[in-house]
Amino acid sequence: MYTLYFAPGTCALASHIALAESGLPYEVKRIRFAENEQRSEAYLKINPKGRVPALVTDKGVLSETVAILAFIAQAVPQAKLAPLDDAFLFARMQAFNAYLSSTVHVAHAHGRRGARWADEPSSHADMLRKVPHTMGECFRLIENDFLAGPYVLGEQYSVADPYLFTIAGWLEGDKVDISEFPRVQAHYERMKARTAVQKAFAEESAA
């Protein structure tokens, strides 16, 4: 049994969807950010970073979405959640996921987690104003250069798809109109129809 620690509205949703796709036995546990539970002594023993997601396995705890997604795909090769037999295509998937993690997620976080980078309220306000531009630029690159369609890697679904779906779901809150990116929007709607996505949303609502 795997245990995924998550908080609603976070990137942990990508790992949750991947678990739902995988067929692995798992449970989810909600971390309540409003109560600062991510900084509790109990949770910091699980993930000293004080963030989600964290995946508890029989070999230890994994953090970071990119690592968790790759682990899930490799743990259940028969689920075909990554091109495990093609080193180049697997690396392309990892490059896309790394871009979401290191660039797109950070652009989004500047609007909500400005205290990570600056103390002055004026600095936070400036970062917040910049978010629609930076997120728009990121998704323009995804739309024009990275999204092969119908899935990230083309015809083959992979763990890159729940990750893109998760972050695309933040665009409205970042004041970016997803309709500016028709291929991303089509991908988002396609993902919403998947059973695993609906299962993950239901489990998060019930947790």
Protein backbone atom coordinates (compact mmCIF):
# COMPACT_ATOMS: atom_id res chain seq x y z
CA MET A 1 0.00 0.00 0.00
CA TYR A 2 1.33 3.40 -1.01
CA THR A 3 0.36 6.57 0.84
CA LEU A 4 0.22 9.90 -0.98
CA TYR A 5 0.16 13.10 1.06
CA PHE A 6 -1.58 15.89 -0.80
CA ALA A 7 -3.25 19.26 -0.46
CA PRO A 8 -6.10 20.34 -2.75
CA GLY A 9 -5.13 22.65 -5.58
CA THR A 10 -1.47 21.66 -5.52
CA CYS A 11 0.78 19.78 -7.92
CA ALA A 12 0.15 16.65 -5.83
CA LEU A 13 -2.88 16.10 -8.05
CA ALA A 14 -0.57 14.92 -10.85
CA SER A 15 0.83 12.11 -8.70
CA HIS A 16 -2.67 11.25 -7.49
CA ILE A 17 -3.94 10.86 -11.06
CA ALA A 18 -0.89 8.76 -11.99
CA LEU A 19 -1.55 6.45 -9.04
CA ALA A 20 -5.18 6.12 -10.10
CA GLU A 21 -4.02 5.22 -13.62
CA SER A 22 -1.41 2.74 -12.40
CA GLY A 23 -3.54 0.17 -10.61
CA LEU A 24 -1.20 0.27 -7.61
CA PRO A 25 -2.85 0.00 -4.18
CA TYR A 26 -2.81 3.41 -2.51
CA GLU A 27 -4.45 5.72 -0.03
CA VAL A 28 -4.39 9.50 0.18
CA LYS A 29 -3.94 11.69 3.23
CA ARG A 30 -4.80 15.37 3.17
CA ILE A 31 -2.41 17.98 4.55
CA ARG A 32 -4.31 21.07 5.64
CA PHE A 33 -2.27 24.10 4.65
CA ALA A 34 -4.73 26.48 6.33
CA GLU A 35 -3.82 24.85 9.64
CA ASN A 36 -0.10 24.87 8.77
CA GLU A 37 -0.10 21.09 8.99
CA GLN A 38 2.74 20.93 6.46
CA ARG A 39 4.97 22.40 9.17
CA SER A 40 3.83 20.02 11.89
CA GLU A 41 6.42 17.84 13.58
CA ALA A 42 4.62 14.71 12.39
CA TYR A 43 4.62 15.73 8.73
CA LEU A 44 8.16 17.07 8.75
CA LYS A 45 9.29 13.58 9.76
CA ILE A 46 7.73 12.36 6.52
CA ASN A 47 8.87 15.24 4.30
CA PRO A 48 11.37 17.67 5.86
CA LYS A 49 10.68 20.10 3.00
CA GLY A 50 7.23 20.76 4.44
CA ARG A 51 5.59 20.48 1.03
CA VAL A 52 3.44 18.12 -0.98
CA PRO A 53 3.40 15.68 -2.58
CA ALA A 54 5.10 13.01 -0.54
CA LEU A 55 4.73 9.35 -1.43
CA VAL A 56 5.40 6.72 1.23
CA THR A 57 6.64 3.45 -0.27
CA ASP A 58 7.96 0.23 1.24
CA LYS A 59 11.48 1.49 0.51
CA GLY A 60 11.07 4.98 1.95
CA VAL A 61 9.56 8.34 1.13
CA LEU A 62 9.73 10.08 -2.22
CA SER A 63 9.13 13.78 -2.77
CA GLU A 64 9.13 16.01 -5.86
CA THR A 65 6.52 15.45 -8.54
CA VAL A 66 9.01 14.64 -11.29
CA ALA A 67 10.53 11.82 -9.23
CA ILE A 68 7.20 10.44 -8.04
CA LEU A 69 5.74 10.34 -11.55
CA ALA A 70 8.77 8.51 -12.93
CA PHE A 71 8.67 6.06 -10.02
CA ILE A 72 4.99 5.24 -10.57
CA ALA A 73 5.55 4.70 -14.29
CA GLN A 74 8.54 2.42 -13.68
CA ALA A 75 6.88 0.54 -10.81
CA VAL A 76 4.08 -0.67 -13.10
CA PRO A 77 5.55 -1.02 -16.60
CA GLN A 78 2.48 -2.90 -17.80
CA ALA A 79 0.38 0.23 -17.24
CA LYS A 80 2.40 1.95 -20.00
CA LEU A 81 2.57 5.32 -18.25
CA ALA A 82 5.93 6.19 -19.81
CA PRO A 83 7.97 5.12 -22.86
CA LEU A 84 10.22 2.88 -20.77
CA ASP A 85 11.60 1.04 -23.80
CA ASP A 86 12.75 4.24 -25.54
CA ALA A 87 15.52 6.08 -23.69
CA PHE A 88 15.25 9.20 -25.85
CA LEU A 89 11.48 9.50 -25.58
CA PHE A 90 11.64 8.89 -21.83
CA ALA A 91 14.20 11.69 -21.56
CA ARG A 92 11.88 13.97 -23.57
CA MET A 93 9.11 13.22 -21.11
CA GLN A 94 11.41 14.00 -18.20
CA ALA A 95 12.56 17.22 -19.86
CA PHE A 96 8.92 18.33 -20.19
CA ASN A 97 8.15 17.44 -16.58
CA ALA A 98 11.29 19.22 -15.41
CA TYR A 99 10.20 22.34 -17.29
CA LEU A 100 6.80 22.24 -15.57
CA SER A 101 8.51 21.82 -12.21
CA SER A 102 11.41 24.24 -12.46
CA THR A 103 9.92 27.01 -14.62
CA VAL A 104 6.12 26.91 -14.93
CA HIS A 105 5.38 26.01 -11.32
CA VAL A 106 7.82 28.67 -10.13
CA ALA A 107 6.16 31.30 -12.33
CA HIS A 108 2.82 30.38 -10.74
CA ALA A 109 4.27 30.38 -7.22
CA HIS A 110 5.47 33.97 -7.58
CA GLY A 111 1.83 34.98 -7.29
CA ARG A 112 1.06 32.94 -4.18
CA ARG A 113 4.33 32.24 -2.44
CA GLY A 114 6.16 35.52 -2.93
CA ALA A 115 7.53 35.35 0.61
CA ARG A 116 9.89 32.64 -0.59
CA TRP A 117 11.80 35.23 -2.61
CA ALA A 118 11.17 38.66 -1.06
CA ASP A 119 10.03 40.39 2.12
CA GLU A 120 8.75 43.76 0.92
CA PRO A 121 5.01 43.96 0.13
CA SER A 122 5.84 46.04 -2.93
CA SER A 123 8.01 43.18 -4.21
CA HIS A 124 5.17 40.72 -3.70
CA ALA A 125 2.80 43.02 -5.57
CA ASP A 126 5.24 43.32 -8.46
CA MET A 127 5.64 39.54 -8.68
CA LEU A 128 1.87 39.09 -8.63
CA ARG A 129 1.41 41.54 -11.51
CA LYS A 130 3.97 39.62 -13.54
CA VAL A 131 2.30 36.21 -13.18
CA PRO A 132 -0.19 36.48 -16.10
CA HIS A 133 2.68 37.41 -18.42
CA THR A 134 5.11 34.71 -17.27
CA MET A 135 2.49 31.97 -17.18
CA GLY A 136 1.21 33.05 -20.59
CA GLU A 137 4.72 32.88 -22.03
CA CYS A 138 5.26 29.42 -20.54
CA PHE A 139 2.05 28.08 -22.01
CA ARG A 140 2.70 29.69 -25.37
CA LEU A 141 5.90 27.66 -25.53
CA ILE A 142 4.03 24.51 -24.50
CA GLU A 143 1.30 25.20 -27.08
CA ASN A 144 3.66 25.88 -29.97
CA ASP A 145 6.68 23.69 -29.28
CA PHE A 146 6.19 21.04 -26.58
CA LEU A 147 2.68 19.58 -26.84
CA ALA A 148 2.76 17.01 -29.62
CA GLY A 149 -0.95 16.15 -29.26
CA PRO A 150 -3.28 14.58 -28.51
CA TYR A 151 -1.05 13.87 -25.50
CA VAL A 152 2.23 15.47 -24.50
CA LEU A 153 4.30 12.83 -26.30
CA GLY A 154 1.88 12.39 -29.17
CA GLU A 155 -0.39 9.36 -29.38
CA GLN A 156 1.09 7.75 -26.26
CA TYR A 157 -0.34 8.79 -22.89
CA SER A 158 2.26 9.25 -20.16
CA VAL A 159 2.69 10.66 -16.66
CA ALA A 160 3.50 14.00 -18.30
CA ASP A 161 -0.20 14.34 -19.10
CA PRO A 162 -1.59 14.55 -15.54
CA TYR A 163 1.20 17.00 -14.72
CA LEU A 164 0.27 19.31 -17.61
CA PHE A 165 -3.42 18.94 -16.75
CA THR A 166 -2.76 19.92 -13.13
CA ILE A 167 -0.82 23.07 -13.95
CA ALA A 168 -3.16 24.07 -16.80
CA GLY A 169 -5.88 24.03 -14.16
CA TRP A 170 -4.13 26.95 -12.44
CA LEU A 171 -4.35 29.27 -15.45
CA GLU A 172 -7.72 30.78 -14.61
CA GLY A 173 -6.53 31.70 -11.11
CA ASP A 174 -3.43 33.24 -12.69
CA LYS A 175 -5.63 35.38 -14.94
CA VAL A 176 -4.63 33.58 -18.10
CA ASP A 177 -7.34 32.55 -20.55
CA ILE A 178 -6.75 28.91 -21.48
CA SER A 179 -8.66 29.46 -24.75
CA GLU A 180 -5.61 31.38 -25.98
CA PHE A 181 -3.97 27.95 -26.21
CA PRO A 182 -6.41 25.70 -28.11
CA ARG A 183 -4.19 22.62 -28.08
CA VAL A 184 -3.63 22.93 -24.32
CA GLN A 185 -7.35 23.48 -23.81
CA ALA A 186 -8.21 20.39 -25.89
CA HIS A 187 -5.72 18.38 -23.83
CA TYR A 188 -7.28 19.69 -20.61
CA GLU A 189 -10.78 18.69 -21.68
CA ARG A 190 -9.54 15.29 -22.86
CA MET A 191 -7.92 14.68 -19.48
CA LYS A 192 -11.05 15.72 -17.56
CA ALA A 193 -12.93 12.88 -19.24
CA ARG A 194 -10.49 10.19 -18.04
CA THR A 195 -11.76 7.88 -15.31
CA ALA A 196 -8.56 8.27 -13.28
CA VAL A 197 -8.90 12.04 -13.19
CA GLN A 198 -12.48 11.83 -11.99
CA LYS A 199 -11.45 9.22 -9.39
CA ALA A 200 -8.66 11.45 -8.06
CA PHE A 201 -10.97 14.46 -7.73
CA ALA A 202 -13.54 12.35 -5.89
CA GLU A 203 -10.94 10.96 -3.50
CA GLU A 204 -9.54 14.41 -2.76
CA SER A 205 -13.02 15.74 -2.03
CA ALA A 206 -13.67 12.86 0.36
CA ALA A 207 -10.32 13.06 2.19
